[in-house]
Amino acid sequence: MTALPVAFAKDTAAACVAELLAGRGSSWSDFLYIYLDTLAGGSLVVGGQPHAGAGGNAGALGSLPLRSATGAQRSLPAQLLSVASLAMLEQRYAEAGLDAGAARDARALAAPWRAVTLSWLESAAEALAYAICNAACLVDLNAAIVDGKLDRGLLELLLARVDVALGHYDWAGAARPQVLAGEMGAEANVSGAAYLALHASFAPGAG
């Protein structure tokens, strides 16, 4: 409509750019970025630059299967997004007759939502730890940075559970990355979209 250039990126990739330029990611050269929204997704930074991969899907953790597939299976392995996304927490609230909107605010840790939230936290933390462990074995990561459209208290509690779950893996031959909360919050994807053109034009090594 305007003949002006347009930059395209997945919302999680845009959020990652915001974290890289204006958040905690600026301190790390190699990190996995995880963003929890209606669906869970991610992106990857390697050598201080966003790494999109051949098809732009690098770091797409939402599609990560949570178990191996076998020929005798009756169903496909569940993906991470079917466990660690806010849609799954909202579904649990709805099944309990609770307002699903609490998944995105401080009510998540208050009665009567808290019991449902803690149940979701356990499964989500285990799934995220599994994903981080696999990513760290493939790409030598400094950190895993997790952010999203959830209450900051809930995010902190989730990351504490992820850290515990990471301790259940054998890290021989691989370096266990630090797990950190992102600093850009719920508007990370919007901020990242605004940063895309600037990053592409002016970031050292970009292009």
N, C-alpha and C. Protein backbone atom coordinates (compact mmCIF):
# COMPACT_ATOMS: atom_id res chain seq x y z
N MET A 1 0.82 -1.22 0.00
CA MET A 1 0.00 0.00 0.00
C MET A 1 0.84 1.26 0.00
N THR A 2 2.03 1.20 0.64
CA THR A 2 2.84 2.40 0.76
C THR A 2 4.11 2.36 -0.08
N ALA A 3 4.44 1.18 -0.62
CA ALA A 3 5.69 0.96 -1.36
C ALA A 3 6.92 1.04 -0.48
N LEU A 4 6.71 1.11 0.84
CA LEU A 4 7.84 1.11 1.77
C LEU A 4 8.27 -0.33 2.04
N PRO A 5 9.55 -0.53 2.36
CA PRO A 5 10.00 -1.90 2.65
C PRO A 5 9.35 -2.44 3.92
N VAL A 6 9.07 -3.74 3.92
CA VAL A 6 8.43 -4.39 5.06
C VAL A 6 9.31 -5.55 5.53
N ALA A 7 9.51 -5.66 6.83
CA ALA A 7 10.28 -6.77 7.40
C ALA A 7 9.31 -7.78 7.98
N PHE A 8 9.54 -9.06 7.71
CA PHE A 8 8.70 -10.13 8.23
C PHE A 8 9.48 -10.97 9.22
N ALA A 9 8.81 -11.38 10.29
CA ALA A 9 9.43 -12.28 11.26
C ALA A 9 8.33 -12.94 12.07
N LYS A 10 8.58 -14.16 12.54
CA LYS A 10 7.67 -14.79 13.49
C LYS A 10 7.62 -13.93 14.75
N ASP A 11 6.50 -13.99 15.46
CA ASP A 11 6.38 -13.17 16.67
C ASP A 11 7.44 -13.51 17.70
N THR A 12 7.78 -14.81 17.81
CA THR A 12 8.80 -15.20 18.78
C THR A 12 10.19 -14.72 18.34
N ALA A 13 10.44 -14.70 17.03
CA ALA A 13 11.72 -14.20 16.53
C ALA A 13 11.82 -12.70 16.77
N ALA A 14 10.72 -11.98 16.59
CA ALA A 14 10.72 -10.54 16.87
C ALA A 14 10.95 -10.29 18.36
N ALA A 15 10.29 -11.06 19.21
CA ALA A 15 10.47 -10.90 20.65
C ALA A 15 11.92 -11.16 21.04
N CYS A 16 12.53 -12.13 20.40
CA CYS A 16 13.93 -12.45 20.67
C CYS A 16 14.84 -11.29 20.31
N VAL A 17 14.56 -10.63 19.18
CA VAL A 17 15.35 -9.46 18.79
C VAL A 17 15.25 -8.36 19.84
N ALA A 18 14.05 -8.15 20.38
CA ALA A 18 13.89 -7.15 21.43
C ALA A 18 14.72 -7.50 22.65
N GLU A 19 14.70 -8.78 23.04
CA GLU A 19 15.48 -9.21 24.20
C GLU A 19 16.97 -9.08 23.93
N LEU A 20 17.38 -9.37 22.71
CA LEU A 20 18.79 -9.28 22.34
C LEU A 20 19.29 -7.84 22.38
N LEU A 21 18.48 -6.91 21.91
CA LEU A 21 18.93 -5.53 21.79
C LEU A 21 18.70 -4.70 23.05
N ALA A 22 17.59 -4.95 23.74
CA ALA A 22 17.23 -4.07 24.85
C ALA A 22 17.02 -4.78 26.17
N GLY A 23 17.20 -6.09 26.20
CA GLY A 23 16.95 -6.85 27.41
C GLY A 23 18.18 -7.59 27.90
N ARG A 24 17.94 -8.66 28.60
CA ARG A 24 19.00 -9.46 29.20
C ARG A 24 19.87 -10.14 28.14
N GLY A 25 19.32 -10.37 26.98
CA GLY A 25 20.06 -11.05 25.92
C GLY A 25 21.29 -10.32 25.46
N SER A 26 21.37 -9.03 25.71
CA SER A 26 22.54 -8.26 25.29
C SER A 26 23.80 -8.70 26.00
N SER A 27 23.66 -9.46 27.10
CA SER A 27 24.84 -9.91 27.87
C SER A 27 25.32 -11.29 27.44
N TRP A 28 24.59 -11.94 26.50
CA TRP A 28 24.92 -13.31 26.15
C TRP A 28 25.08 -13.45 24.65
N SER A 29 26.09 -14.22 24.22
CA SER A 29 26.34 -14.39 22.79
C SER A 29 25.55 -15.55 22.19
N ASP A 30 25.25 -16.55 23.00
CA ASP A 30 24.57 -17.75 22.50
C ASP A 30 23.48 -18.15 23.49
N PHE A 31 22.23 -17.98 23.09
CA PHE A 31 21.15 -18.34 24.01
C PHE A 31 19.91 -18.81 23.27
N LEU A 32 19.17 -19.62 23.99
CA LEU A 32 17.86 -20.07 23.53
C LEU A 32 16.83 -19.13 24.13
N TYR A 33 15.92 -18.65 23.30
CA TYR A 33 14.87 -17.74 23.76
C TYR A 33 13.54 -18.47 23.69
N ILE A 34 12.82 -18.47 24.81
CA ILE A 34 11.53 -19.14 24.88
C ILE A 34 10.47 -18.11 25.26
N TYR A 35 9.39 -18.08 24.49
CA TYR A 35 8.33 -17.10 24.73
C TYR A 35 7.01 -17.84 24.92
N LEU A 36 6.39 -17.63 26.08
CA LEU A 36 5.15 -18.31 26.43
C LEU A 36 3.97 -17.37 26.22
N ASP A 37 3.14 -17.74 25.25
CA ASP A 37 1.95 -16.97 24.94
C ASP A 37 0.81 -17.99 24.81
N THR A 38 -0.20 -17.70 24.02
CA THR A 38 -1.23 -18.69 23.78
C THR A 38 -0.60 -20.01 23.42
N LEU A 39 0.41 -19.97 22.54
CA LEU A 39 1.25 -21.12 22.24
C LEU A 39 2.66 -20.83 22.72
N ALA A 40 3.42 -21.87 22.97
CA ALA A 40 4.83 -21.70 23.36
C ALA A 40 5.69 -21.72 22.10
N GLY A 41 6.65 -20.83 22.03
CA GLY A 41 7.55 -20.79 20.88
C GLY A 41 8.92 -20.37 21.31
N GLY A 42 9.80 -20.22 20.35
CA GLY A 42 11.16 -19.83 20.70
C GLY A 42 11.94 -19.33 19.53
N SER A 43 13.16 -18.96 19.81
CA SER A 43 14.09 -18.50 18.80
C SER A 43 15.50 -18.77 19.32
N LEU A 44 16.47 -18.51 18.48
CA LEU A 44 17.85 -18.89 18.81
C LEU A 44 18.80 -17.77 18.45
N VAL A 45 19.74 -17.48 19.34
CA VAL A 45 20.80 -16.51 19.07
C VAL A 45 22.13 -17.24 19.13
N VAL A 46 22.91 -17.10 18.06
CA VAL A 46 24.22 -17.74 17.96
C VAL A 46 25.24 -16.68 17.56
N GLY A 47 26.31 -16.58 18.33
CA GLY A 47 27.34 -15.60 18.02
C GLY A 47 26.84 -14.17 18.08
N GLY A 48 25.86 -13.93 18.95
CA GLY A 48 25.35 -12.58 19.10
C GLY A 48 24.35 -12.15 18.05
N GLN A 49 23.96 -13.09 17.17
CA GLN A 49 23.01 -12.77 16.10
C GLN A 49 21.85 -13.75 16.11
N PRO A 50 20.65 -13.27 15.79
CA PRO A 50 19.53 -14.21 15.64
C PRO A 50 19.85 -15.22 14.56
N HIS A 51 19.57 -16.47 14.83
CA HIS A 51 19.82 -17.54 13.87
C HIS A 51 18.47 -18.10 13.42
N ALA A 52 18.13 -17.84 12.16
CA ALA A 52 16.81 -18.24 11.67
C ALA A 52 16.79 -19.67 11.13
N GLY A 53 17.92 -20.14 10.62
CA GLY A 53 17.95 -21.46 10.01
C GLY A 53 17.49 -21.41 8.56
N ALA A 54 17.52 -22.56 7.91
CA ALA A 54 17.22 -22.62 6.47
C ALA A 54 15.81 -22.15 6.14
N GLY A 55 14.86 -22.48 7.00
CA GLY A 55 13.48 -22.10 6.73
C GLY A 55 12.91 -21.08 7.68
N GLY A 56 13.77 -20.46 8.49
CA GLY A 56 13.30 -19.48 9.45
C GLY A 56 12.70 -20.06 10.71
N ASN A 57 12.93 -21.36 10.93
CA ASN A 57 12.28 -22.04 12.06
C ASN A 57 13.22 -22.45 13.19
N ALA A 58 14.46 -21.98 13.16
CA ALA A 58 15.39 -22.35 14.22
C ALA A 58 14.86 -21.89 15.57
N GLY A 59 14.93 -22.78 16.55
CA GLY A 59 14.43 -22.46 17.88
C GLY A 59 12.94 -22.62 18.04
N ALA A 60 12.28 -23.27 17.08
CA ALA A 60 10.82 -23.44 17.15
C ALA A 60 10.46 -24.53 18.15
N LEU A 61 10.63 -24.21 19.43
CA LEU A 61 10.46 -25.21 20.48
C LEU A 61 9.04 -25.72 20.62
N GLY A 62 8.08 -24.92 20.22
CA GLY A 62 6.71 -25.36 20.35
C GLY A 62 6.44 -26.66 19.62
N SER A 63 7.18 -26.90 18.54
CA SER A 63 7.00 -28.11 17.74
C SER A 63 7.84 -29.28 18.22
N LEU A 64 8.64 -29.07 19.26
CA LEU A 64 9.53 -30.13 19.74
C LEU A 64 8.73 -31.29 20.32
N PRO A 65 8.93 -32.52 19.82
CA PRO A 65 8.24 -33.67 20.42
C PRO A 65 8.82 -33.97 21.79
N LEU A 66 7.96 -34.41 22.70
CA LEU A 66 8.38 -34.64 24.08
C LEU A 66 8.73 -36.09 24.36
N ARG A 67 8.71 -36.92 23.35
CA ARG A 67 9.21 -38.29 23.48
C ARG A 67 9.59 -38.78 22.10
N SER A 68 10.28 -39.91 22.04
CA SER A 68 10.66 -40.48 20.75
C SER A 68 9.44 -41.11 20.09
N ALA A 69 9.45 -41.15 18.77
CA ALA A 69 8.37 -41.77 18.01
C ALA A 69 8.74 -43.21 17.68
N THR A 70 7.78 -44.08 17.68
CA THR A 70 8.01 -45.48 17.34
C THR A 70 7.00 -45.93 16.29
N GLY A 71 7.35 -46.98 15.56
CA GLY A 71 6.45 -47.49 14.54
C GLY A 71 5.18 -48.06 15.11
N ALA A 72 5.22 -48.47 16.36
CA ALA A 72 4.06 -49.10 16.98
C ALA A 72 3.16 -48.11 17.69
N GLN A 73 3.51 -46.82 17.63
CA GLN A 73 2.74 -45.83 18.36
C GLN A 73 1.31 -45.70 17.82
N ARG A 74 0.40 -45.42 18.69
CA ARG A 74 -0.99 -45.22 18.30
C ARG A 74 -1.30 -43.75 18.03
N SER A 75 -0.42 -42.89 18.47
CA SER A 75 -0.60 -41.47 18.25
C SER A 75 0.75 -40.80 18.13
N LEU A 76 0.77 -39.62 17.55
CA LEU A 76 2.02 -38.89 17.41
C LEU A 76 2.48 -38.40 18.79
N PRO A 77 3.80 -38.27 18.99
CA PRO A 77 4.28 -37.72 20.27
C PRO A 77 3.73 -36.32 20.51
N ALA A 78 3.40 -36.01 21.74
CA ALA A 78 2.94 -34.66 22.08
C ALA A 78 4.06 -33.66 21.84
N GLN A 79 3.69 -32.47 21.43
CA GLN A 79 4.65 -31.39 21.24
C GLN A 79 4.69 -30.51 22.49
N LEU A 80 5.76 -29.75 22.63
CA LEU A 80 5.92 -28.90 23.80
C LEU A 80 4.76 -27.91 23.94
N LEU A 81 4.27 -27.39 22.83
CA LEU A 81 3.19 -26.40 22.90
C LEU A 81 1.90 -26.99 23.48
N SER A 82 1.78 -28.32 23.46
CA SER A 82 0.58 -28.94 24.02
C SER A 82 0.67 -29.09 25.53
N VAL A 83 1.80 -28.68 26.12
CA VAL A 83 2.00 -28.79 27.57
C VAL A 83 2.33 -27.43 28.19
N ALA A 84 3.29 -26.73 27.61
CA ALA A 84 3.85 -25.55 28.26
C ALA A 84 3.34 -24.22 27.71
N SER A 85 2.17 -24.21 27.09
CA SER A 85 1.62 -22.96 26.58
C SER A 85 0.52 -22.44 27.49
N LEU A 86 0.24 -21.16 27.40
CA LEU A 86 -0.81 -20.57 28.22
C LEU A 86 -2.19 -21.08 27.83
N ALA A 87 -2.34 -21.52 26.58
CA ALA A 87 -3.62 -22.10 26.17
C ALA A 87 -3.96 -23.33 27.00
N MET A 88 -2.94 -24.10 27.35
CA MET A 88 -3.18 -25.29 28.16
C MET A 88 -3.57 -24.92 29.59
N LEU A 89 -2.96 -23.85 30.12
CA LEU A 89 -3.34 -23.39 31.46
C LEU A 89 -4.75 -22.84 31.44
N GLU A 90 -5.10 -22.09 30.40
CA GLU A 90 -6.45 -21.56 30.26
C GLU A 90 -7.47 -22.69 30.16
N GLN A 91 -7.10 -23.74 29.45
CA GLN A 91 -8.01 -24.89 29.32
C GLN A 91 -8.25 -25.54 30.67
N ARG A 92 -7.21 -25.66 31.48
CA ARG A 92 -7.37 -26.25 32.82
C ARG A 92 -8.28 -25.38 33.69
N TYR A 93 -8.11 -24.06 33.59
CA TYR A 93 -8.99 -23.17 34.35
C TYR A 93 -10.44 -23.36 33.92
N ALA A 94 -10.65 -23.40 32.60
CA ALA A 94 -12.01 -23.53 32.08
C ALA A 94 -12.65 -24.83 32.55
N GLU A 95 -11.88 -25.90 32.55
CA GLU A 95 -12.40 -27.20 33.00
C GLU A 95 -12.75 -27.18 34.48
N ALA A 96 -12.06 -26.31 35.24
CA ALA A 96 -12.34 -26.18 36.67
C ALA A 96 -13.42 -25.13 36.96
N GLY A 97 -14.00 -24.55 35.90
CA GLY A 97 -15.03 -23.54 36.07
C GLY A 97 -14.50 -22.19 36.48
N LEU A 98 -13.22 -21.92 36.18
CA LEU A 98 -12.58 -20.67 36.56
C LEU A 98 -12.37 -19.76 35.36
N ASP A 99 -12.22 -18.47 35.60
CA ASP A 99 -11.96 -17.49 34.54
C ASP A 99 -10.59 -17.78 33.93
N ALA A 100 -10.59 -18.10 32.63
CA ALA A 100 -9.34 -18.46 31.95
C ALA A 100 -8.39 -17.28 31.82
N GLY A 101 -8.92 -16.06 31.90
CA GLY A 101 -8.06 -14.89 31.76
C GLY A 101 -7.04 -14.74 32.86
N ALA A 102 -7.21 -15.47 33.96
CA ALA A 102 -6.27 -15.39 35.07
C ALA A 102 -4.89 -15.92 34.70
N ALA A 103 -4.78 -16.64 33.60
CA ALA A 103 -3.48 -17.16 33.17
C ALA A 103 -2.49 -16.03 32.88
N ARG A 104 -3.01 -14.83 32.65
CA ARG A 104 -2.16 -13.72 32.23
C ARG A 104 -2.04 -12.62 33.28
N ASP A 105 -2.51 -12.89 34.49
CA ASP A 105 -2.37 -11.87 35.54
C ASP A 105 -2.11 -12.52 36.90
N ALA A 106 -2.04 -11.70 37.92
CA ALA A 106 -1.62 -12.16 39.25
C ALA A 106 -2.60 -13.12 39.89
N ARG A 107 -3.83 -13.22 39.39
CA ARG A 107 -4.79 -14.16 39.96
C ARG A 107 -4.31 -15.61 39.85
N ALA A 108 -3.40 -15.88 38.90
CA ALA A 108 -2.93 -17.24 38.67
C ALA A 108 -2.35 -17.87 39.93
N LEU A 109 -1.80 -17.04 40.82
CA LEU A 109 -1.18 -17.55 42.03
C LEU A 109 -2.05 -17.34 43.28
N ALA A 110 -3.29 -16.94 43.06
CA ALA A 110 -4.22 -16.74 44.17
C ALA A 110 -5.33 -17.79 44.10
N ALA A 111 -5.95 -18.05 45.24
CA ALA A 111 -7.09 -18.97 45.26
C ALA A 111 -8.25 -18.36 44.46
N PRO A 112 -9.02 -19.18 43.74
CA PRO A 112 -8.96 -20.65 43.64
C PRO A 112 -8.12 -21.15 42.47
N TRP A 113 -7.43 -20.24 41.76
CA TRP A 113 -6.66 -20.63 40.58
C TRP A 113 -5.34 -21.32 40.95
N ARG A 114 -4.79 -21.03 42.13
CA ARG A 114 -3.44 -21.45 42.47
C ARG A 114 -3.23 -22.97 42.35
N ALA A 115 -4.16 -23.77 42.83
CA ALA A 115 -3.98 -25.22 42.79
C ALA A 115 -3.88 -25.71 41.35
N VAL A 116 -4.70 -25.16 40.47
CA VAL A 116 -4.65 -25.53 39.05
C VAL A 116 -3.33 -25.07 38.44
N THR A 117 -2.93 -23.87 38.80
CA THR A 117 -1.67 -23.31 38.27
C THR A 117 -0.48 -24.17 38.65
N LEU A 118 -0.41 -24.58 39.91
CA LEU A 118 0.74 -25.37 40.37
C LEU A 118 0.80 -26.72 39.66
N SER A 119 -0.34 -27.30 39.35
CA SER A 119 -0.36 -28.55 38.60
C SER A 119 0.18 -28.34 37.20
N TRP A 120 -0.24 -27.25 36.56
CA TRP A 120 0.29 -26.93 35.22
C TRP A 120 1.78 -26.63 35.28
N LEU A 121 2.22 -25.93 36.32
CA LEU A 121 3.63 -25.58 36.45
C LEU A 121 4.53 -26.80 36.42
N GLU A 122 4.14 -27.86 37.09
CA GLU A 122 4.98 -29.05 37.15
C GLU A 122 5.20 -29.63 35.76
N SER A 123 4.12 -29.82 35.01
CA SER A 123 4.26 -30.41 33.67
C SER A 123 4.95 -29.45 32.73
N ALA A 124 4.65 -28.15 32.82
CA ALA A 124 5.29 -27.17 31.95
C ALA A 124 6.79 -27.08 32.21
N ALA A 125 7.17 -27.09 33.49
CA ALA A 125 8.59 -27.00 33.85
C ALA A 125 9.36 -28.22 33.34
N GLU A 126 8.78 -29.39 33.48
CA GLU A 126 9.44 -30.60 32.99
C GLU A 126 9.61 -30.57 31.48
N ALA A 127 8.58 -30.10 30.76
CA ALA A 127 8.67 -30.01 29.30
C ALA A 127 9.71 -28.99 28.87
N LEU A 128 9.75 -27.85 29.53
CA LEU A 128 10.73 -26.82 29.18
C LEU A 128 12.15 -27.28 29.49
N ALA A 129 12.34 -27.95 30.61
CA ALA A 129 13.67 -28.47 30.95
C ALA A 129 14.14 -29.48 29.90
N TYR A 130 13.22 -30.33 29.46
CA TYR A 130 13.55 -31.31 28.42
C TYR A 130 14.00 -30.60 27.15
N ALA A 131 13.27 -29.55 26.77
CA ALA A 131 13.61 -28.80 25.57
C ALA A 131 14.96 -28.10 25.72
N ILE A 132 15.20 -27.48 26.86
CA ILE A 132 16.46 -26.77 27.09
C ILE A 132 17.63 -27.73 27.07
N CYS A 133 17.47 -28.89 27.69
CA CYS A 133 18.54 -29.89 27.71
C CYS A 133 18.90 -30.32 26.28
N ASN A 134 17.89 -30.62 25.48
CA ASN A 134 18.15 -31.03 24.11
C ASN A 134 18.81 -29.92 23.29
N ALA A 135 18.34 -28.69 23.48
CA ALA A 135 18.93 -27.57 22.75
C ALA A 135 20.38 -27.35 23.15
N ALA A 136 20.67 -27.47 24.45
CA ALA A 136 22.03 -27.26 24.94
C ALA A 136 23.00 -28.32 24.42
N CYS A 137 22.48 -29.53 24.19
CA CYS A 137 23.33 -30.58 23.64
C CYS A 137 23.63 -30.35 22.16
N LEU A 138 22.74 -29.63 21.48
CA LEU A 138 22.91 -29.39 20.05
C LEU A 138 23.68 -28.10 19.79
N VAL A 139 23.39 -27.07 20.57
CA VAL A 139 24.04 -25.77 20.42
C VAL A 139 24.63 -25.41 21.78
N ASP A 140 25.89 -25.10 21.84
CA ASP A 140 26.55 -24.78 23.12
C ASP A 140 26.04 -23.43 23.61
N LEU A 141 25.09 -23.45 24.54
CA LEU A 141 24.38 -22.25 24.96
C LEU A 141 24.98 -21.63 26.22
N ASN A 142 24.97 -20.29 26.29
CA ASN A 142 25.27 -19.61 27.55
C ASN A 142 24.06 -19.67 28.48
N ALA A 143 22.88 -19.49 27.88
CA ALA A 143 21.68 -19.33 28.71
C ALA A 143 20.43 -19.72 27.95
N ALA A 144 19.38 -19.93 28.71
CA ALA A 144 18.02 -20.04 28.17
C ALA A 144 17.23 -18.91 28.81
N ILE A 145 16.68 -18.03 28.00
CA ILE A 145 15.95 -16.87 28.49
C ILE A 145 14.47 -17.10 28.20
N VAL A 146 13.67 -17.04 29.25
CA VAL A 146 12.24 -17.34 29.15
C VAL A 146 11.43 -16.09 29.47
N ASP A 147 10.46 -15.79 28.63
CA ASP A 147 9.60 -14.64 28.85
C ASP A 147 8.21 -14.98 28.33
N GLY A 148 7.30 -14.04 28.38
CA GLY A 148 5.98 -14.32 27.86
C GLY A 148 4.90 -13.41 28.42
N LYS A 149 3.67 -13.73 28.08
CA LYS A 149 2.53 -12.92 28.49
C LYS A 149 1.86 -13.51 29.73
N LEU A 150 2.69 -13.71 30.75
CA LEU A 150 2.20 -14.22 32.01
C LEU A 150 2.70 -13.35 33.15
N ASP A 151 2.05 -13.45 34.28
CA ASP A 151 2.43 -12.66 35.44
C ASP A 151 3.88 -12.93 35.81
N ARG A 152 4.60 -11.90 36.23
CA ARG A 152 6.03 -12.06 36.53
C ARG A 152 6.26 -12.98 37.71
N GLY A 153 5.36 -12.98 38.69
CA GLY A 153 5.50 -13.91 39.80
C GLY A 153 5.36 -15.34 39.35
N LEU A 154 4.45 -15.59 38.43
CA LEU A 154 4.27 -16.92 37.88
C LEU A 154 5.49 -17.32 37.06
N LEU A 155 6.05 -16.39 36.31
CA LEU A 155 7.25 -16.68 35.53
C LEU A 155 8.41 -17.06 36.44
N GLU A 156 8.60 -16.32 37.53
CA GLU A 156 9.69 -16.63 38.45
C GLU A 156 9.52 -18.02 39.07
N LEU A 157 8.29 -18.36 39.43
CA LEU A 157 8.03 -19.67 40.01
C LEU A 157 8.27 -20.77 38.98
N LEU A 158 7.86 -20.53 37.75
CA LEU A 158 8.09 -21.50 36.68
C LEU A 158 9.57 -21.74 36.46
N LEU A 159 10.36 -20.67 36.43
CA LEU A 159 11.79 -20.82 36.18
C LEU A 159 12.48 -21.55 37.33
N ALA A 160 12.01 -21.34 38.54
CA ALA A 160 12.57 -22.09 39.67
C ALA A 160 12.31 -23.58 39.49
N ARG A 161 11.12 -23.94 39.01
CA ARG A 161 10.79 -25.34 38.77
C ARG A 161 11.60 -25.89 37.60
N VAL A 162 11.81 -25.09 36.58
CA VAL A 162 12.64 -25.52 35.43
C VAL A 162 14.06 -25.82 35.90
N ASP A 163 14.60 -24.96 36.75
CA ASP A 163 15.96 -25.16 37.23
C ASP A 163 16.08 -26.46 38.00
N VAL A 164 15.08 -26.77 38.81
CA VAL A 164 15.07 -28.04 39.54
C VAL A 164 14.99 -29.21 38.56
N ALA A 165 14.13 -29.10 37.56
CA ALA A 165 13.96 -30.17 36.58
C ALA A 165 15.23 -30.40 35.77
N LEU A 166 15.98 -29.36 35.50
CA LEU A 166 17.24 -29.52 34.76
C LEU A 166 18.25 -30.35 35.55
N GLY A 167 18.13 -30.30 36.87
CA GLY A 167 19.02 -31.09 37.70
C GLY A 167 18.78 -32.58 37.64
N HIS A 168 17.69 -32.99 37.00
CA HIS A 168 17.39 -34.41 36.88
C HIS A 168 18.06 -35.04 35.66
N TYR A 169 18.79 -34.23 34.86
CA TYR A 169 19.45 -34.75 33.66
C TYR A 169 20.94 -34.94 33.90
N ASP A 170 21.52 -35.85 33.14
CA ASP A 170 22.97 -36.09 33.18
C ASP A 170 23.63 -35.11 32.22
N TRP A 171 24.42 -34.20 32.75
CA TRP A 171 25.03 -33.16 31.91
C TRP A 171 26.46 -33.51 31.48
N ALA A 172 26.85 -34.75 31.65
CA ALA A 172 28.18 -35.16 31.20
C ALA A 172 28.31 -34.93 29.70
N GLY A 173 29.35 -34.20 29.31
CA GLY A 173 29.58 -33.94 27.89
C GLY A 173 28.86 -32.72 27.36
N ALA A 174 28.08 -32.05 28.20
CA ALA A 174 27.36 -30.85 27.78
C ALA A 174 27.38 -29.84 28.92
N ALA A 175 27.28 -28.57 28.58
CA ALA A 175 27.28 -27.50 29.60
C ALA A 175 25.84 -27.10 29.91
N ARG A 176 25.51 -27.12 31.18
CA ARG A 176 24.16 -26.73 31.60
C ARG A 176 24.02 -25.21 31.54
N PRO A 177 23.11 -24.69 30.73
CA PRO A 177 22.97 -23.23 30.62
C PRO A 177 22.23 -22.64 31.81
N GLN A 178 22.47 -21.37 32.06
CA GLN A 178 21.69 -20.66 33.05
C GLN A 178 20.27 -20.44 32.51
N VAL A 179 19.30 -20.44 33.39
CA VAL A 179 17.92 -20.17 33.01
C VAL A 179 17.53 -18.84 33.62
N LEU A 180 17.14 -17.90 32.78
CA LEU A 180 16.91 -16.53 33.20
C LEU A 180 15.56 -16.03 32.70
N ALA A 181 14.97 -15.11 33.43
CA ALA A 181 13.74 -14.46 33.00
C ALA A 181 14.07 -13.34 32.03
N GLY A 182 13.32 -13.25 30.95
CA GLY A 182 13.49 -12.14 30.02
C GLY A 182 13.06 -10.83 30.67
N GLU A 183 13.50 -9.73 30.08
CA GLU A 183 13.21 -8.42 30.65
C GLU A 183 12.19 -7.62 29.86
N MET A 184 11.80 -8.10 28.68
CA MET A 184 10.92 -7.31 27.81
C MET A 184 9.44 -7.55 28.09
N GLY A 185 9.09 -8.69 28.68
CA GLY A 185 7.72 -8.92 29.11
C GLY A 185 6.71 -9.14 28.01
N ALA A 186 5.47 -8.80 28.32
CA ALA A 186 4.34 -9.12 27.46
C ALA A 186 4.41 -8.44 26.10
N GLU A 187 5.08 -7.30 26.00
CA GLU A 187 5.14 -6.57 24.74
C GLU A 187 6.43 -6.84 23.97
N ALA A 188 7.12 -7.92 24.31
CA ALA A 188 8.40 -8.21 23.65
C ALA A 188 8.25 -8.34 22.14
N ASN A 189 7.18 -9.01 21.69
CA ASN A 189 7.03 -9.21 20.25
C ASN A 189 6.74 -7.90 19.52
N VAL A 190 5.96 -7.02 20.15
CA VAL A 190 5.67 -5.73 19.54
C VAL A 190 6.92 -4.86 19.48
N SER A 191 7.66 -4.82 20.59
CA SER A 191 8.91 -4.05 20.61
C SER A 191 9.90 -4.61 19.59
N GLY A 192 9.96 -5.94 19.52
CA GLY A 192 10.88 -6.56 18.57
C GLY A 192 10.56 -6.23 17.14
N ALA A 193 9.28 -6.16 16.81
CA ALA A 193 8.88 -5.80 15.45
C ALA A 193 9.41 -4.40 15.09
N ALA A 194 9.38 -3.50 16.08
CA ALA A 194 9.89 -2.15 15.84
C ALA A 194 11.41 -2.13 15.67
N TYR A 195 12.08 -3.11 16.29
CA TYR A 195 13.54 -3.16 16.22
C TYR A 195 14.07 -3.86 14.96
N LEU A 196 13.23 -4.59 14.25
CA LEU A 196 13.72 -5.44 13.16
C LEU A 196 14.54 -4.67 12.12
N ALA A 197 14.00 -3.58 11.62
CA ALA A 197 14.69 -2.83 10.57
C ALA A 197 15.98 -2.21 11.10
N LEU A 198 15.94 -1.70 12.33
CA LEU A 198 17.14 -1.13 12.93
C LEU A 198 18.22 -2.18 13.09
N HIS A 199 17.83 -3.35 13.57
CA HIS A 199 18.81 -4.42 13.77
C HIS A 199 19.41 -4.85 12.44
N ALA A 200 18.58 -5.02 11.43
CA ALA A 200 19.06 -5.47 10.13
C ALA A 200 20.02 -4.47 9.50
N SER A 201 19.83 -3.18 9.79
CA SER A 201 20.64 -2.15 9.15
C SER A 201 21.89 -1.77 9.93
N PHE A 202 21.80 -1.85 11.26
CA PHE A 202 22.87 -1.26 12.05
C PHE A 202 23.57 -2.20 13.01
N ALA A 203 23.04 -3.38 13.27
CA ALA A 203 23.70 -4.28 14.21
C ALA A 203 25.00 -4.80 13.63
N PRO A 204 26.08 -4.84 14.42
CA PRO A 204 27.35 -5.39 13.93
C PRO A 204 27.19 -6.83 13.46
N GLY A 205 27.60 -7.08 12.22
CA GLY A 205 27.53 -8.45 11.69
C GLY A 205 26.19 -8.84 11.15
N ALA A 206 25.19 -7.97 11.24
CA ALA A 206 23.87 -8.31 10.72
C ALA A 206 23.85 -8.21 9.20
N GLY A 207 22.82 -8.86 8.64
CA GLY A 207 22.67 -8.75 7.19
C GLY A 207 22.85 -10.07 6.54
